[in-house]
Structures are given as structure tokens and as C-alpha cells.
Amino acid sequence: PYFVELDRSRYQTLEVKRFTARLDIDKSGHVTHATFEPQLPVAIDYQLTQDAESWLFLPSVGNGRPRLAHVELPIVF
């Protein structure tokens, strides 16, 4: 499990309280692409995308080497 820090004060107008972040993570553990479902308002989607790009994960490893990964992360407010 991963714990992701979000500044909830920036999302006070968010009506959806449960959604999924679909993240592409590079070999160094940085998020390179993020999408969210269900579809969120444009301003909220933009802010979440900016936040997600600052998240850092342990990289996925295969055969002893870091590799690209696609992760679905449930988020609940």
C-alpha cells in the first residue's frame, strides 16, 4: 500500500469522494502520466494531475532491474 498526501483544502468543491488514479510510473519511481476516473471537473483534474506528478513511488522491479509500471490507485476523501 502507498500513502499519498493531498492538500484537502484545495479539493473542497470536489463532489466525488472516491475515484481511481491511473498512473504511469517510470524506472525511478516518478509519475509520468496520470488520469482519473470517474471524469472530474477540468480544474480539479488539472490540480490532481499536478499533485500526482510530484508523487514518488518505489520503482517496480523485474529480474533485478527497475522497470516502467502502470498502477491503479484508489483515492478516498
C-alpha atoms as a PDB file:
ATOM      1  CA  PRO A   1       0.000   0.000   0.000  1.00  0.00           C
ATOM      2  CA  TYR A   2       1.011   3.576  -0.643  1.00  0.00           C
ATOM      3  CA  PHE A   3       0.060   6.654   1.319  1.00  0.00           C
ATOM      4  CA  VAL A   4      -0.418   9.721  -0.837  1.00  0.00           C
ATOM      5  CA  GLU A   5      -0.609  13.167   0.715  1.00  0.00           C
ATOM      6  CA  LEU A   6      -3.202  15.531  -0.731  1.00  0.00           C
ATOM      7  CA  ASP A   7      -3.997  19.021   0.496  1.00  0.00           C
ATOM      8  CA  ARG A   8      -7.721  18.517   1.009  1.00  0.00           C
ATOM      9  CA  SER A   9      -8.336  22.248   1.291  1.00  0.00           C
ATOM     10  CA  ARG A  10      -7.706  22.529  -2.470  1.00  0.00           C
ATOM     11  CA  TYR A  11     -10.448  19.994  -3.174  1.00  0.00           C
ATOM     12  CA  GLN A  12     -13.297  21.319  -1.029  1.00  0.00           C
ATOM     13  CA  THR A  13     -15.612  21.647  -4.031  1.00  0.00           C
ATOM     14  CA  LEU A  14     -14.997  18.081  -5.172  1.00  0.00           C
ATOM     15  CA  GLU A  15     -18.330  16.247  -5.152  1.00  0.00           C
ATOM     16  CA  VAL A  16     -16.839  12.834  -5.915  1.00  0.00           C
ATOM     17  CA  LYS A  17     -15.309  11.409  -2.753  1.00  0.00           C
ATOM     18  CA  ARG A  18     -13.956   8.172  -4.247  1.00  0.00           C
ATOM     19  CA  PHE A  19     -12.077   7.829  -7.523  1.00  0.00           C
ATOM     20  CA  THR A  20      -9.232   5.953  -9.152  1.00  0.00           C
ATOM     21  CA  ALA A  21      -5.908   7.428 -10.213  1.00  0.00           C
ATOM     22  CA  ARG A  22      -4.332   5.589 -13.146  1.00  0.00           C
ATOM     23  CA  LEU A  23      -0.623   6.309 -13.032  1.00  0.00           C
ATOM     24  CA  ASP A  24       2.320   5.566 -15.292  1.00  0.00           C
ATOM     25  CA  ILE A  25       5.466   5.334 -13.190  1.00  0.00           C
ATOM     26  CA  ASP A  26       8.952   5.444 -14.665  1.00  0.00           C
ATOM     27  CA  LYS A  27      12.013   3.411 -13.671  1.00  0.00           C
ATOM     28  CA  SER A  28      12.975   5.936 -10.998  1.00  0.00           C
ATOM     29  CA  GLY A  29       9.522   5.911  -9.346  1.00  0.00           C
ATOM     30  CA  HIS A  30       8.253   9.245 -10.711  1.00  0.00           C
ATOM     31  CA  VAL A  31       4.732   9.623 -12.110  1.00  0.00           C
ATOM     32  CA  THR A  32       4.952  10.427 -15.820  1.00  0.00           C
ATOM     33  CA  HIS A  33       1.233  10.393 -16.638  1.00  0.00           C
ATOM     34  CA  ALA A  34      -1.928  10.470 -14.544  1.00  0.00           C
ATOM     35  CA  THR A  35      -5.617  10.135 -15.357  1.00  0.00           C
ATOM     36  CA  PHE A  36      -8.585   9.922 -13.021  1.00  0.00           C
ATOM     37  CA  GLU A  37     -11.899   8.082 -13.150  1.00  0.00           C
ATOM     38  CA  PRO A  38     -14.671   8.964 -12.983  1.00  0.00           C
ATOM     39  CA  GLN A  39     -14.083  12.074 -15.030  1.00  0.00           C
ATOM     40  CA  LEU A  40     -13.591  15.115 -12.791  1.00  0.00           C
ATOM     41  CA  PRO A  41     -14.118  18.841 -13.461  1.00  0.00           C
ATOM     42  CA  VAL A  42     -11.279  20.287 -15.546  1.00  0.00           C
ATOM     43  CA  ALA A  43      -9.827  22.483 -12.775  1.00  0.00           C
ATOM     44  CA  ILE A  44      -9.833  19.626 -10.253  1.00  0.00           C
ATOM     45  CA  ASP A  45      -8.375  17.198 -12.811  1.00  0.00           C
ATOM     46  CA  TYR A  46      -5.600  19.670 -13.587  1.00  0.00           C
ATOM     47  CA  GLN A  47      -4.740  20.188  -9.903  1.00  0.00           C
ATOM     48  CA  LEU A  48      -4.758  16.443  -9.187  1.00  0.00           C
ATOM     49  CA  THR A  49      -2.531  15.827 -12.201  1.00  0.00           C
ATOM     50  CA  GLN A  50      -0.077  18.447 -10.918  1.00  0.00           C
ATOM     51  CA  ASP A  51      -0.119  16.822  -7.471  1.00  0.00           C
ATOM     52  CA  ALA A  52       0.333  13.318  -8.882  1.00  0.00           C
ATOM     53  CA  GLU A  53       3.399  14.370 -10.843  1.00  0.00           C
ATOM     54  CA  SER A  54       5.091  15.236  -7.548  1.00  0.00           C
ATOM     55  CA  TRP A  55       4.439  11.809  -6.005  1.00  0.00           C
ATOM     56  CA  LEU A  56       7.337   9.363  -5.727  1.00  0.00           C
ATOM     57  CA  PHE A  57       6.957   5.585  -5.554  1.00  0.00           C
ATOM     58  CA  LEU A  58       9.352   2.722  -5.158  1.00  0.00           C
ATOM     59  CA  PRO A  59      10.026   1.578  -8.729  1.00  0.00           C
ATOM     60  CA  SER A  60       8.683  -1.723  -9.955  1.00  0.00           C
ATOM     61  CA  VAL A  61      11.418  -4.352 -10.270  1.00  0.00           C
ATOM     62  CA  GLY A  62      11.667  -7.258 -12.690  1.00  0.00           C
ATOM     63  CA  ASN A  63      14.687  -9.559 -12.995  1.00  0.00           C
ATOM     64  CA  GLY A  64      16.515  -7.341 -10.513  1.00  0.00           C
ATOM     65  CA  ARG A  65      16.116  -4.200 -12.614  1.00  0.00           C
ATOM     66  CA  PRO A  66      13.751  -1.237 -12.289  1.00  0.00           C
ATOM     67  CA  ARG A  67      11.013  -1.105 -14.901  1.00  0.00           C
ATOM     68  CA  LEU A  68       8.081   1.018 -16.021  1.00  0.00           C
ATOM     69  CA  ALA A  69       4.796   0.361 -14.254  1.00  0.00           C
ATOM     70  CA  HIS A  70       1.109   1.167 -14.605  1.00  0.00           C
ATOM     71  CA  VAL A  71      -0.718   1.496 -11.282  1.00  0.00           C
ATOM     72  CA  GLU A  72      -4.368   1.967 -10.377  1.00  0.00           C
ATOM     73  CA  LEU A  73      -4.554   3.783  -7.051  1.00  0.00           C
ATOM     74  CA  PRO A  74      -7.923   4.182  -5.296  1.00  0.00           C
ATOM     75  CA  ILE A  75      -8.303   7.575  -3.624  1.00  0.00           C
ATOM     76  CA  VAL A  76     -10.939   8.315  -0.984  1.00  0.00           C
ATOM     77  CA  PHE A  77     -11.587  11.745   0.511  1.00  0.00           C
END
